[in-house]
């Protein structure tokens, strides 16, 4: 009976490739078997076999991609979108870094990533056989390292091997201690900006060098192909074209470097204004406390006077 159950379910599944037909065939055969061998010790085993075959024989066209994740559907108009991205962080230090990046670059969600300030930020994106904490502009990896997991000699060696493998594939790696993101998030943002500027500058320079090499190879190939037809005018034209290509490449490098410098100056000015604003706010809060507590005001005046004398 068990063999017959297998054969029937298999035949129906292969012939029709329909899960509904297979279900009802298995159900009908189960009812028939139950009625035919009621109270038989083999009934439970037969039921297991039939339902197991039902689950096993599935049409291939039922394998459809799953629905998009929650992050992929979020937009800036969604309430509490920030909370969903924070939920994907794996430590408080990563949450602090995410918050600092969102504030510094005015990031908003777009198809599963965060975009703003001329950059993109992704979280827990697979890179080779690894899953970095954050990925900026599809090439700058940011790892937030906690002392508990990254300070031992074994962990340091493991991180170095990982960084070497990722760098070989063209990734730039920035490791930020967890205590920096937790207690000095502005310093973490400065590290990101400095590392990103240098990385983008190197990428731009590499592109120009590759373009110049390609132009040189093409010119060399043309020269070898047409060597018998070369004349002084052709040589002069080739030299002129080479100089024009070199000049255009240098102009591109200078333009990109100027853009980087302008952005860096803008970031420095923004940091300076933010620090000045924080200093003013702290002084205002201190003055409010002094106004509310005369005793504290006297102590503060004494300390200030002693400090001025020492200076």
Protein backbone atom coordinates (compact mmCIF):
# COMPACT_ATOMS: atom_id res chain seq x y z
CA UNK A 1 0.00 0.00 0.00
CA UNK A 2 2.84 2.40 0.80
CA UNK A 3 4.46 1.72 -2.57
CA UNK A 4 1.10 2.23 -4.29
CA UNK A 5 0.68 5.57 -2.48
CA UNK A 6 4.08 6.73 -3.69
CA UNK A 7 3.41 5.68 -7.27
CA UNK A 8 -0.02 7.36 -7.42
CA UNK A 9 1.22 10.66 -5.97
CA UNK A 10 4.26 10.64 -8.24
CA UNK A 11 2.21 9.94 -11.37
CA UNK A 12 -0.28 12.72 -10.64
CA UNK A 13 2.50 15.21 -9.86
CA UNK A 14 4.51 14.43 -12.98
CA UNK A 15 1.54 14.24 -15.34
CA UNK A 16 -0.23 17.46 -14.38
CA UNK A 17 2.44 19.52 -12.59
CA UNK A 18 -0.40 21.12 -10.64
CA UNK A 19 -0.13 21.47 -6.85
CA UNK A 20 -3.93 21.61 -6.47
CA UNK A 21 -4.46 18.37 -8.39
CA UNK A 22 -1.67 16.73 -6.48
CA UNK A 23 -3.19 17.85 -3.20
CA UNK A 24 -6.62 16.47 -3.96
CA UNK A 25 -5.17 13.25 -5.36
CA UNK A 26 -3.21 12.72 -2.17
CA UNK A 27 -6.22 13.68 -0.06
CA UNK A 28 -8.52 11.28 -1.92
CA UNK A 29 -6.02 8.46 -1.75
CA UNK A 30 -5.58 9.09 1.98
CA UNK A 31 -9.34 8.90 2.54
CA UNK A 32 -9.57 5.71 0.51
CA UNK A 33 -6.64 4.13 2.33
CA UNK A 34 -8.02 5.12 5.70
CA UNK A 35 -11.39 3.55 4.88
CA UNK A 36 -9.84 0.43 3.37
CA UNK A 37 -7.35 -0.37 6.09
CA UNK A 38 -9.06 1.29 9.03
CA UNK A 39 -7.26 0.69 12.31
CA UNK A 40 -4.28 -0.82 10.48
CA UNK A 41 -0.90 -0.22 12.19
CA UNK A 42 0.46 1.01 8.84
CA UNK A 43 -2.05 3.86 8.47
CA UNK A 44 0.11 6.50 10.19
CA UNK A 45 3.14 5.55 8.13
CA UNK A 46 1.08 5.75 4.94
CA UNK A 47 -0.18 9.22 5.84
CA UNK A 48 3.37 10.44 6.46
CA UNK A 49 4.55 9.03 3.14
CA UNK A 50 1.69 10.57 1.15
CA UNK A 51 1.98 14.04 2.64
CA UNK A 52 5.75 13.90 2.36
CA UNK A 53 5.51 13.16 -1.35
CA UNK A 54 2.94 15.96 -1.73
CA UNK A 55 5.37 18.48 -0.25
CA UNK A 56 8.32 17.10 -2.21
CA UNK A 57 6.84 17.11 -5.73
CA UNK A 58 6.41 20.82 -6.48
CA UNK A 59 6.30 22.48 -9.90
CA UNK A 60 9.40 24.53 -10.68
CA UNK A 61 7.42 27.57 -11.82
CA UNK A 62 6.24 28.15 -8.25
CA UNK A 63 9.69 29.42 -7.19
CA UNK A 64 9.02 33.15 -7.33
CA UNK A 65 11.16 35.90 -5.77
CA UNK A 66 10.02 36.98 -2.34
CA UNK A 67 8.53 40.37 -1.61
CA UNK A 68 10.92 43.31 -1.20
CA UNK A 69 12.29 43.98 2.26
CA UNK A 70 10.92 46.76 4.41
CA UNK A 71 13.98 48.95 3.80
CA UNK A 72 13.51 48.75 0.01
CA UNK A 73 9.98 50.17 0.26
CA UNK A 74 10.78 53.03 2.64
CA UNK A 75 10.77 56.64 1.44
CA UNK A 76 11.39 59.98 3.10
CA UNK A 77 7.62 60.40 3.48
CA UNK A 78 7.31 57.30 5.67
CA UNK A 79 6.95 57.97 9.35
CA UNK A 80 9.82 56.70 11.53
CA UNK A 81 11.82 55.43 8.54
CA UNK A 82 14.98 56.15 10.53
CA UNK A 83 13.91 53.62 13.17
CA UNK A 84 13.82 50.78 10.62
CA UNK A 85 17.38 51.49 9.49
CA UNK A 86 18.57 51.71 13.09
CA UNK A 87 16.98 48.32 13.74
CA UNK A 88 19.35 46.77 11.17
CA UNK A 89 22.42 47.95 13.09
CA UNK A 90 24.17 45.30 15.16
CA UNK A 91 25.52 47.43 18.02
CA UNK A 92 24.93 50.78 19.76
CA UNK A 93 28.15 52.05 18.17
CA UNK A 94 26.76 51.34 14.69
CA UNK A 95 23.53 53.11 15.62
CA UNK A 96 25.55 56.16 16.72
CA UNK A 97 27.46 56.16 13.43
CA UNK A 98 24.25 55.85 11.41
CA UNK A 99 22.67 58.75 13.30
CA UNK A 100 25.76 60.91 12.74
CA UNK A 101 25.82 60.15 9.00
CA UNK A 102 22.11 60.88 8.57
CA UNK A 103 22.49 64.23 10.32
CA UNK A 104 25.77 65.27 8.65
CA UNK A 105 24.73 64.45 5.07
CA UNK A 106 20.92 64.82 5.32
CA UNK A 107 20.44 61.21 4.22
CA UNK A 108 17.00 59.91 3.21
CA UNK A 109 15.88 56.41 2.16
CA UNK A 110 15.78 55.39 -1.49
CA UNK A 111 15.26 51.78 -2.60
CA UNK A 112 16.90 50.17 0.41
CA UNK A 113 19.80 52.59 0.81
CA UNK A 114 20.34 56.10 2.16
CA UNK A 115 21.21 58.95 -0.19
CA UNK A 116 22.14 62.58 0.38
CA UNK A 117 25.01 65.05 0.37
CA UNK A 118 26.38 63.55 -2.83
CA UNK A 119 26.91 60.07 -1.40
CA UNK A 120 25.08 56.78 -0.78
CA UNK A 121 25.16 54.69 2.39
CA UNK A 122 24.24 51.01 2.63
CA UNK A 123 24.20 48.66 5.61
CA UNK A 124 25.27 45.03 5.90
CA UNK A 125 25.82 44.67 2.15
CA UNK A 126 27.65 41.48 1.03
CA UNK A 127 31.15 42.15 -0.32
CA UNK A 128 32.93 38.98 -1.47
CA UNK A 129 32.54 36.54 1.43
CA UNK A 130 32.13 39.30 4.00
CA UNK A 131 29.33 41.56 5.21
CA UNK A 132 30.74 45.01 6.13
CA UNK A 133 28.97 47.24 8.64
CA UNK A 134 28.52 50.12 6.16
CA UNK A 135 29.28 50.72 2.47
CA UNK A 136 29.63 54.26 1.08
CA UNK A 137 29.39 54.94 -2.67
CA UNK A 138 29.65 51.21 -3.47
CA UNK A 139 33.38 51.19 -2.68
CA UNK A 140 34.27 52.72 0.70
CA UNK A 141 33.79 50.18 3.50
CA UNK A 142 33.33 51.51 7.04
CA UNK A 143 33.81 49.08 9.92
CA UNK A 144 32.83 50.16 13.44
CA UNK A 145 35.20 48.17 15.65
CA UNK A 146 34.35 47.41 19.25
CA UNK A 147 37.29 46.70 21.55
CA UNK A 148 35.72 43.47 22.75
CA UNK A 149 35.80 41.86 19.30
CA UNK A 150 38.71 43.59 17.53
CA UNK A 151 41.50 44.16 20.08
CA UNK A 152 42.97 40.68 20.54
CA UNK A 153 46.00 39.65 18.42
CA UNK A 154 43.89 37.02 16.66
CA UNK A 155 41.17 39.55 15.83
CA UNK A 156 43.71 42.09 14.58
CA UNK A 157 45.29 39.47 12.31
CA UNK A 158 41.87 38.36 11.07
CA UNK A 159 40.83 41.96 10.31
CA UNK A 160 44.11 42.57 8.46
CA UNK A 161 43.56 39.53 6.23
CA UNK A 162 40.01 40.62 5.56
CA UNK A 163 41.08 44.17 4.68
CA UNK A 164 43.78 42.83 2.37
CA UNK A 165 41.30 40.63 0.51
CA UNK A 166 38.80 43.48 0.12
CA UNK A 167 41.48 45.96 -0.96
CA UNK A 168 42.60 43.52 -3.66
CA UNK A 169 39.08 43.79 -5.11
CA UNK A 170 39.23 47.60 -5.19
CA UNK A 171 37.54 48.46 -1.90
CA UNK A 172 38.75 51.22 0.39
CA UNK A 173 38.53 50.30 4.09
CA UNK A 174 38.04 52.69 7.00
CA UNK A 175 37.99 51.29 10.54
CA UNK A 176 36.58 53.55 13.26
CA UNK A 177 36.79 52.58 16.96
CA UNK A 178 33.39 52.16 18.56
CA UNK A 179 34.22 54.67 21.30
CA UNK A 180 34.71 57.37 18.64
CA UNK A 181 31.25 56.87 17.12
CA UNK A 182 29.67 56.70 20.58
CA UNK A 183 31.33 59.67 22.26
CA UNK A 184 32.81 61.76 19.42
CA UNK A 185 30.55 61.30 16.39
CA UNK A 186 31.82 64.53 14.80
CA UNK A 187 35.32 63.04 14.70
CA UNK A 188 33.90 59.96 12.98
CA UNK A 189 32.29 62.15 10.30
CA UNK A 190 35.61 63.98 9.77
CA UNK A 191 37.35 60.64 9.24
CA UNK A 192 34.71 59.64 6.70
CA UNK A 193 35.06 62.90 4.78
CA UNK A 194 38.85 62.81 4.74
CA UNK A 195 39.02 59.16 3.70
CA UNK A 196 36.32 59.58 1.06
CA UNK A 197 37.97 62.68 -0.45
CA UNK A 198 41.32 60.91 -0.74
CA UNK A 199 39.71 57.78 -2.14
CA UNK A 200 37.71 59.70 -4.78
CA UNK A 201 40.80 61.70 -5.75
CA UNK A 202 42.80 58.50 -6.28
CA UNK A 203 39.95 57.02 -8.33
CA UNK A 204 39.80 60.12 -10.53
CA UNK A 205 43.56 60.09 -11.03
CA UNK A 206 43.48 56.40 -11.92
CA UNK A 207 40.77 57.00 -14.51
CA UNK A 208 42.81 59.77 -16.14
CA UNK A 209 45.95 57.63 -16.19
CA UNK A 210 44.06 54.75 -17.77
CA UNK A 211 42.60 57.08 -20.39
CA UNK A 212 46.05 58.45 -21.19
CA UNK A 213 47.48 54.95 -21.46
CA UNK A 214 44.66 53.94 -23.77
CA UNK A 215 45.28 56.99 -25.95
CA UNK A 216 48.98 56.16 -26.03
CA UNK A 217 48.35 52.56 -27.03
CA UNK A 218 45.97 53.63 -29.79
CA UNK A 219 48.44 56.19 -31.08
CA UNK A 220 51.25 53.63 -30.98
CA UNK A 221 49.14 51.11 -32.86
CA UNK A 222 48.28 53.66 -35.52
CA UNK A 223 51.92 54.62 -35.81
CA UNK A 224 53.01 51.02 -36.32
CA UNK A 225 50.22 50.36 -38.82
CA UNK A 226 50.92 53.44 -40.91
CA UNK A 227 54.69 53.60 -40.43
CA UNK A 228 55.35 53.29 -44.14
CA UNK A 229 53.04 56.21 -44.87
CA UNK A 230 54.38 58.50 -42.16
CA UNK A 231 55.40 62.00 -43.11
CA UNK A 232 56.48 65.01 -41.15
CA UNK A 233 52.97 66.38 -41.23
CA UNK A 234 51.57 63.12 -39.86
CA UNK A 235 54.18 63.07 -37.09
CA UNK A 236 53.34 66.64 -36.16
CA UNK A 237 49.63 65.80 -36.06
CA UNK A 238 50.28 62.78 -33.82
CA UNK A 239 52.39 64.86 -31.44
CA UNK A 240 49.73 67.54 -31.36
CA UNK A 241 47.00 65.00 -30.62
CA UNK A 242 49.09 63.47 -27.85
CA UNK A 243 49.69 66.88 -26.30
CA UNK A 244 46.00 67.71 -26.54
CA UNK A 245 45.07 64.44 -24.82
CA UNK A 246 47.63 65.04 -22.08
CA UNK A 247 46.45 68.63 -21.58
CA UNK A 248 42.81 67.52 -21.42
CA UNK A 249 43.70 64.85 -18.88
CA UNK A 250 45.58 67.31 -16.68
CA UNK A 251 42.70 69.78 -16.94
CA UNK A 252 40.32 67.07 -15.75
CA UNK A 253 42.59 66.25 -12.81
CA UNK A 254 42.88 69.92 -11.84
CA UNK A 255 39.12 70.42 -12.14
CA UNK A 256 38.34 67.42 -9.96
CA UNK A 257 40.95 68.44 -7.38
CA UNK A 258 39.46 71.95 -7.27
CA UNK A 259 36.04 70.44 -6.67
CA UNK A 260 37.40 68.26 -3.87
CA UNK A 261 39.13 71.26 -2.27
CA UNK A 262 35.97 73.35 -2.48
CA UNK A 263 33.93 70.59 -0.86
CA UNK A 264 36.59 70.12 1.83
CA UNK A 265 36.56 73.85 2.61
CA UNK A 266 32.78 73.75 2.80
CA UNK A 267 32.88 70.80 5.21
CA UNK A 268 35.49 72.54 7.39
CA UNK A 269 33.37 75.70 7.51
CA UNK A 270 30.29 73.65 8.44
CA UNK A 271 32.24 71.94 11.24
CA UNK A 272 33.54 75.29 12.48
CA UNK A 273 30.04 76.78 12.58
CA UNK A 274 28.68 73.68 14.34
CA UNK A 275 31.43 73.80 16.99
CA UNK A 276 30.88 77.53 17.51
CA UNK A 277 27.13 77.00 17.86
CA UNK A 278 27.66 74.21 20.38
CA UNK A 279 30.06 76.42 22.35
CA UNK A 280 27.51 79.25 22.44
CA UNK A 281 24.78 76.87 23.57
CA UNK A 282 26.97 75.52 26.35
CA UNK A 283 27.87 79.04 27.51
CA UNK A 284 24.19 79.98 27.53
CA UNK A 285 23.30 76.93 29.59
CA UNK A 286 26.15 77.67 32.00
CA UNK A 287 25.03 81.28 32.36
CA UNK A 288 21.48 80.13 33.11
CA UNK A 289 22.79 77.83 35.83
CA UNK A 290 24.92 80.63 37.30
CA UNK A 291 21.97 83.03 37.30
CA UNK A 292 19.84 80.46 39.08
CA UNK A 293 22.47 79.62 41.74
CA UNK A 294 24.32 82.59 43.35
CA UNK A 295 26.65 80.27 45.28
CA UNK A 296 27.69 78.55 42.09
CA UNK A 297 28.20 81.95 40.44
CA UNK A 298 30.63 83.01 43.21
CA UNK A 299 32.62 79.80 42.87
CA UNK A 300 32.77 80.23 39.11
CA UNK A 301 34.02 83.83 39.45
CA UNK A 302 36.75 82.72 41.86
CA UNK A 303 37.91 79.95 39.55
CA UNK A 304 37.89 82.30 36.55
CA UNK A 305 39.92 84.88 38.45
CA UNK A 306 42.52 82.30 39.50
CA UNK A 307 42.75 81.03 35.96
CA UNK A 308 43.29 84.55 34.59
CA UNK A 309 46.08 85.17 37.12
CA UNK A 310 47.88 81.97 36.12
CA UNK A 311 47.73 82.94 32.48
